[in-house]
N, C-alpha and C. Protein backbone atom coordinates (compact mmCIF):
# COMPACT_ATOMS: atom_id res chain seq x y z
N MET A 1 23.12 -16.68 11.06
CA MET A 1 23.65 -15.81 10.01
C MET A 1 24.99 -15.27 10.50
N ASP A 2 26.00 -15.42 9.66
CA ASP A 2 27.31 -14.90 10.05
C ASP A 2 27.44 -13.44 9.60
N GLY A 3 28.52 -12.81 10.00
CA GLY A 3 28.74 -11.40 9.71
C GLY A 3 28.78 -11.10 8.22
N ARG A 4 29.34 -11.98 7.44
CA ARG A 4 29.44 -11.75 5.98
C ARG A 4 28.06 -11.79 5.33
N GLN A 5 27.22 -12.72 5.74
CA GLN A 5 25.87 -12.81 5.20
C GLN A 5 25.07 -11.55 5.57
N TRP A 6 25.22 -11.13 6.83
CA TRP A 6 24.53 -9.93 7.26
C TRP A 6 24.96 -8.73 6.43
N LEU A 7 26.27 -8.58 6.22
CA LEU A 7 26.80 -7.46 5.46
C LEU A 7 26.32 -7.52 4.02
N ASP A 8 26.32 -8.68 3.41
CA ASP A 8 25.82 -8.82 2.03
C ASP A 8 24.36 -8.40 1.96
N GLY A 9 23.56 -8.86 2.92
CA GLY A 9 22.14 -8.48 2.94
C GLY A 9 21.95 -6.99 3.13
N TYR A 10 22.74 -6.42 4.02
CA TYR A 10 22.67 -4.98 4.27
C TYR A 10 23.04 -4.20 3.02
N GLN A 11 24.09 -4.58 2.33
CA GLN A 11 24.50 -3.89 1.11
C GLN A 11 23.43 -4.01 0.03
N HIS A 12 22.80 -5.16 -0.06
CA HIS A 12 21.73 -5.35 -1.04
C HIS A 12 20.55 -4.43 -0.73
N ARG A 13 20.15 -4.37 0.56
CA ARG A 13 19.04 -3.49 0.95
C ARG A 13 19.40 -2.03 0.71
N LEU A 14 20.63 -1.67 0.98
CA LEU A 14 21.07 -0.29 0.77
C LEU A 14 21.07 0.06 -0.72
N ALA A 15 21.53 -0.84 -1.56
CA ALA A 15 21.51 -0.60 -3.01
C ALA A 15 20.08 -0.46 -3.52
N ASP A 16 19.18 -1.29 -3.00
CA ASP A 16 17.77 -1.21 -3.39
C ASP A 16 17.16 0.12 -2.98
N LEU A 17 17.42 0.54 -1.74
CA LEU A 17 16.90 1.80 -1.26
C LEU A 17 17.47 2.97 -2.06
N THR A 18 18.75 2.92 -2.39
CA THR A 18 19.37 3.97 -3.20
C THR A 18 18.72 4.05 -4.58
N SER A 19 18.46 2.90 -5.17
CA SER A 19 17.80 2.86 -6.48
C SER A 19 16.40 3.46 -6.40
N ARG A 20 15.63 3.10 -5.39
CA ARG A 20 14.28 3.65 -5.23
C ARG A 20 14.33 5.16 -4.97
N ALA A 21 15.31 5.61 -4.19
CA ALA A 21 15.45 7.04 -3.92
C ALA A 21 15.81 7.81 -5.19
N ASP A 22 16.67 7.24 -6.01
CA ASP A 22 17.04 7.88 -7.28
C ASP A 22 15.82 8.02 -8.19
N ARG A 23 15.01 6.96 -8.25
CA ARG A 23 13.80 7.02 -9.08
C ARG A 23 12.84 8.09 -8.56
N ALA A 24 12.67 8.15 -7.24
CA ALA A 24 11.79 9.16 -6.64
C ALA A 24 12.30 10.56 -6.91
N ARG A 25 13.61 10.75 -6.83
CA ARG A 25 14.22 12.07 -7.08
C ARG A 25 13.93 12.54 -8.49
N VAL A 26 14.03 11.63 -9.46
CA VAL A 26 13.75 11.98 -10.86
C VAL A 26 12.29 12.39 -11.01
N VAL A 27 11.39 11.60 -10.42
CA VAL A 27 9.97 11.91 -10.52
C VAL A 27 9.67 13.24 -9.83
N LEU A 28 10.21 13.45 -8.66
CA LEU A 28 9.93 14.68 -7.91
C LEU A 28 10.44 15.93 -8.60
N ALA A 29 11.49 15.80 -9.37
CA ALA A 29 12.05 16.96 -10.07
C ALA A 29 11.05 17.56 -11.05
N GLY A 30 10.17 16.74 -11.57
CA GLY A 30 9.21 17.24 -12.56
C GLY A 30 7.79 17.34 -12.07
N VAL A 31 7.58 17.19 -10.76
CA VAL A 31 6.21 17.19 -10.24
C VAL A 31 5.63 18.60 -10.21
N GLU A 32 4.44 18.70 -10.73
CA GLU A 32 3.64 19.91 -10.66
C GLU A 32 2.19 19.47 -10.48
N GLY A 33 1.42 20.30 -9.82
CA GLY A 33 -0.01 20.06 -9.71
C GLY A 33 -0.74 21.17 -10.43
N THR A 34 -1.69 20.79 -11.26
CA THR A 34 -2.46 21.78 -12.02
C THR A 34 -3.95 21.55 -11.77
N ALA A 35 -4.67 22.64 -11.60
CA ALA A 35 -6.11 22.57 -11.44
C ALA A 35 -6.73 23.75 -12.17
N ALA A 36 -7.94 23.53 -12.66
CA ALA A 36 -8.70 24.58 -13.33
C ALA A 36 -10.01 24.78 -12.57
N SER A 37 -10.47 26.00 -12.53
CA SER A 37 -11.76 26.26 -11.90
C SER A 37 -12.86 25.61 -12.74
N ALA A 38 -13.98 25.35 -12.11
CA ALA A 38 -15.09 24.68 -12.80
C ALA A 38 -15.55 25.45 -14.03
N ASP A 39 -15.51 26.76 -13.97
CA ASP A 39 -15.95 27.57 -15.10
C ASP A 39 -14.85 27.84 -16.11
N GLY A 40 -13.63 27.36 -15.83
CA GLY A 40 -12.52 27.54 -16.75
C GLY A 40 -11.89 28.92 -16.72
N ALA A 41 -12.30 29.76 -15.80
CA ALA A 41 -11.77 31.12 -15.74
C ALA A 41 -10.32 31.16 -15.26
N VAL A 42 -9.95 30.20 -14.41
CA VAL A 42 -8.63 30.22 -13.77
C VAL A 42 -8.00 28.83 -13.87
N THR A 43 -6.73 28.80 -14.22
CA THR A 43 -5.94 27.58 -14.17
C THR A 43 -4.67 27.90 -13.41
N VAL A 44 -4.35 27.05 -12.42
CA VAL A 44 -3.20 27.29 -11.55
C VAL A 44 -2.31 26.05 -11.56
N THR A 45 -1.01 26.28 -11.65
CA THR A 45 -0.02 25.20 -11.53
C THR A 45 0.92 25.56 -10.40
N VAL A 46 1.12 24.58 -9.49
CA VAL A 46 2.01 24.79 -8.35
C VAL A 46 3.07 23.70 -8.29
N ALA A 47 4.15 24.03 -7.62
CA ALA A 47 5.24 23.09 -7.36
C ALA A 47 5.02 22.49 -5.98
N PRO A 48 5.74 21.41 -5.66
CA PRO A 48 5.68 20.92 -4.28
C PRO A 48 6.05 22.05 -3.34
N GLY A 49 5.36 22.15 -2.25
CA GLY A 49 5.61 23.24 -1.32
C GLY A 49 4.72 24.44 -1.59
N GLY A 50 3.98 24.41 -2.70
CA GLY A 50 3.01 25.45 -2.98
C GLY A 50 3.47 26.62 -3.83
N ALA A 51 4.72 26.61 -4.27
CA ALA A 51 5.20 27.73 -5.10
C ALA A 51 4.39 27.80 -6.39
N LEU A 52 3.91 28.97 -6.69
CA LEU A 52 3.11 29.18 -7.90
C LEU A 52 4.02 29.13 -9.12
N ARG A 53 3.71 28.24 -10.05
CA ARG A 53 4.49 28.13 -11.28
C ARG A 53 3.81 28.84 -12.43
N ARG A 54 2.48 28.69 -12.52
CA ARG A 54 1.74 29.34 -13.59
C ARG A 54 0.35 29.74 -13.11
N LEU A 55 -0.11 30.85 -13.61
CA LEU A 55 -1.47 31.32 -13.38
C LEU A 55 -2.02 31.77 -14.71
N GLU A 56 -3.08 31.11 -15.14
CA GLU A 56 -3.70 31.47 -16.42
C GLU A 56 -5.10 31.99 -16.15
N LEU A 57 -5.38 33.14 -16.69
CA LEU A 57 -6.70 33.75 -16.56
C LEU A 57 -7.36 33.77 -17.93
N ALA A 58 -8.46 33.06 -18.06
CA ALA A 58 -9.18 33.01 -19.33
C ALA A 58 -10.04 34.26 -19.47
N GLU A 59 -10.58 34.45 -20.66
CA GLU A 59 -11.45 35.60 -20.92
C GLU A 59 -12.56 35.70 -19.86
N ARG A 60 -13.08 34.57 -19.46
CA ARG A 60 -14.17 34.50 -18.48
C ARG A 60 -13.79 35.22 -17.18
N SER A 61 -12.53 35.25 -16.84
CA SER A 61 -12.11 35.87 -15.58
C SER A 61 -12.40 37.37 -15.55
N ALA A 62 -12.48 38.01 -16.70
CA ALA A 62 -12.75 39.45 -16.77
C ALA A 62 -14.17 39.77 -16.30
N GLU A 63 -15.04 38.78 -16.29
CA GLU A 63 -16.43 38.98 -15.85
C GLU A 63 -16.57 38.93 -14.34
N LEU A 64 -15.52 38.52 -13.65
CA LEU A 64 -15.58 38.38 -12.19
C LEU A 64 -15.11 39.66 -11.51
N THR A 65 -15.62 39.89 -10.31
CA THR A 65 -15.10 41.02 -9.52
C THR A 65 -13.71 40.63 -9.01
N ARG A 66 -12.97 41.61 -8.53
CA ARG A 66 -11.64 41.30 -7.98
C ARG A 66 -11.73 40.33 -6.81
N VAL A 67 -12.74 40.51 -5.98
CA VAL A 67 -12.92 39.62 -4.82
C VAL A 67 -13.23 38.20 -5.30
N GLN A 68 -14.12 38.07 -6.28
CA GLN A 68 -14.45 36.75 -6.81
C GLN A 68 -13.24 36.10 -7.46
N LEU A 69 -12.50 36.88 -8.23
CA LEU A 69 -11.32 36.35 -8.92
C LEU A 69 -10.27 35.90 -7.91
N ALA A 70 -10.03 36.71 -6.89
CA ALA A 70 -9.04 36.35 -5.87
C ALA A 70 -9.45 35.05 -5.18
N ALA A 71 -10.72 34.94 -4.81
CA ALA A 71 -11.20 33.72 -4.14
C ALA A 71 -11.07 32.51 -5.06
N LEU A 72 -11.35 32.69 -6.34
CA LEU A 72 -11.25 31.59 -7.30
C LEU A 72 -9.80 31.15 -7.49
N VAL A 73 -8.88 32.11 -7.51
CA VAL A 73 -7.46 31.78 -7.63
C VAL A 73 -7.01 30.98 -6.40
N VAL A 74 -7.38 31.43 -5.21
CA VAL A 74 -6.99 30.74 -3.98
C VAL A 74 -7.58 29.33 -3.94
N GLU A 75 -8.85 29.20 -4.26
CA GLU A 75 -9.51 27.89 -4.27
C GLU A 75 -8.87 26.95 -5.28
N THR A 76 -8.59 27.47 -6.46
CA THR A 76 -8.00 26.64 -7.51
C THR A 76 -6.56 26.26 -7.16
N ALA A 77 -5.83 27.18 -6.55
CA ALA A 77 -4.46 26.87 -6.11
C ALA A 77 -4.47 25.78 -5.05
N ALA A 78 -5.45 25.81 -4.17
CA ALA A 78 -5.55 24.76 -3.14
C ALA A 78 -5.79 23.40 -3.78
N ARG A 79 -6.62 23.34 -4.81
CA ARG A 79 -6.86 22.08 -5.50
C ARG A 79 -5.61 21.62 -6.24
N ALA A 80 -4.87 22.55 -6.81
CA ALA A 80 -3.60 22.21 -7.48
C ALA A 80 -2.61 21.68 -6.46
N GLN A 81 -2.59 22.27 -5.26
CA GLN A 81 -1.69 21.80 -4.21
C GLN A 81 -2.08 20.40 -3.77
N ALA A 82 -3.36 20.12 -3.69
CA ALA A 82 -3.80 18.76 -3.33
C ALA A 82 -3.32 17.76 -4.38
N GLU A 83 -3.36 18.15 -5.64
CA GLU A 83 -2.88 17.28 -6.72
C GLU A 83 -1.38 17.03 -6.60
N VAL A 84 -0.61 18.08 -6.35
CA VAL A 84 0.84 17.91 -6.23
C VAL A 84 1.17 17.08 -4.99
N ASP A 85 0.42 17.25 -3.92
CA ASP A 85 0.63 16.43 -2.73
C ASP A 85 0.41 14.95 -3.04
N ARG A 86 -0.63 14.65 -3.81
CA ARG A 86 -0.93 13.28 -4.20
C ARG A 86 0.22 12.70 -5.03
N LEU A 87 0.72 13.48 -5.98
CA LEU A 87 1.81 13.02 -6.84
C LEU A 87 3.10 12.80 -6.05
N VAL A 88 3.37 13.66 -5.09
CA VAL A 88 4.56 13.50 -4.25
C VAL A 88 4.42 12.23 -3.41
N ALA A 89 3.25 12.01 -2.84
CA ALA A 89 3.03 10.80 -2.05
C ALA A 89 3.24 9.55 -2.89
N GLU A 90 2.76 9.56 -4.13
CA GLU A 90 2.97 8.43 -5.03
C GLU A 90 4.46 8.22 -5.32
N ALA A 91 5.19 9.32 -5.46
CA ALA A 91 6.62 9.22 -5.80
C ALA A 91 7.45 8.66 -4.65
N VAL A 92 7.07 9.02 -3.42
CA VAL A 92 7.87 8.56 -2.29
C VAL A 92 7.38 7.25 -1.69
N ALA A 93 6.22 6.77 -2.10
CA ALA A 93 5.68 5.52 -1.56
C ALA A 93 6.66 4.35 -1.68
N PRO A 94 7.36 4.20 -2.82
CA PRO A 94 8.31 3.08 -2.91
C PRO A 94 9.45 3.15 -1.88
N LEU A 95 9.75 4.33 -1.40
CA LEU A 95 10.80 4.46 -0.38
C LEU A 95 10.34 3.94 0.98
N LEU A 96 9.03 3.92 1.18
CA LEU A 96 8.49 3.51 2.46
C LEU A 96 8.17 2.02 2.52
N GLU A 97 8.28 1.35 1.38
CA GLU A 97 8.03 -0.09 1.35
C GLU A 97 9.13 -0.84 2.07
N ALA A 98 8.75 -1.92 2.67
CA ALA A 98 9.73 -2.73 3.41
C ALA A 98 10.67 -3.47 2.49
């Protein structure tokens, strides 16, 4: 392989990687993870990194003690974070392909 062929191949690989990175960036911009508690009392939406985007408390949440409600919010947020982690992994997977 001569220098020109190598450079052409390198530029092609770089263009492909740039294209995949652009697609991942678009997907990541809109990624959120949402989870609801089993009883429907709490719904939590988080951004990548765990930032809380939305917290919805249904009527059912008024029946819980503060300790129960706090635990349910934390548990539900953790499940929402697991969902956003899964979505992020899916978005960046094409960047890791050979």
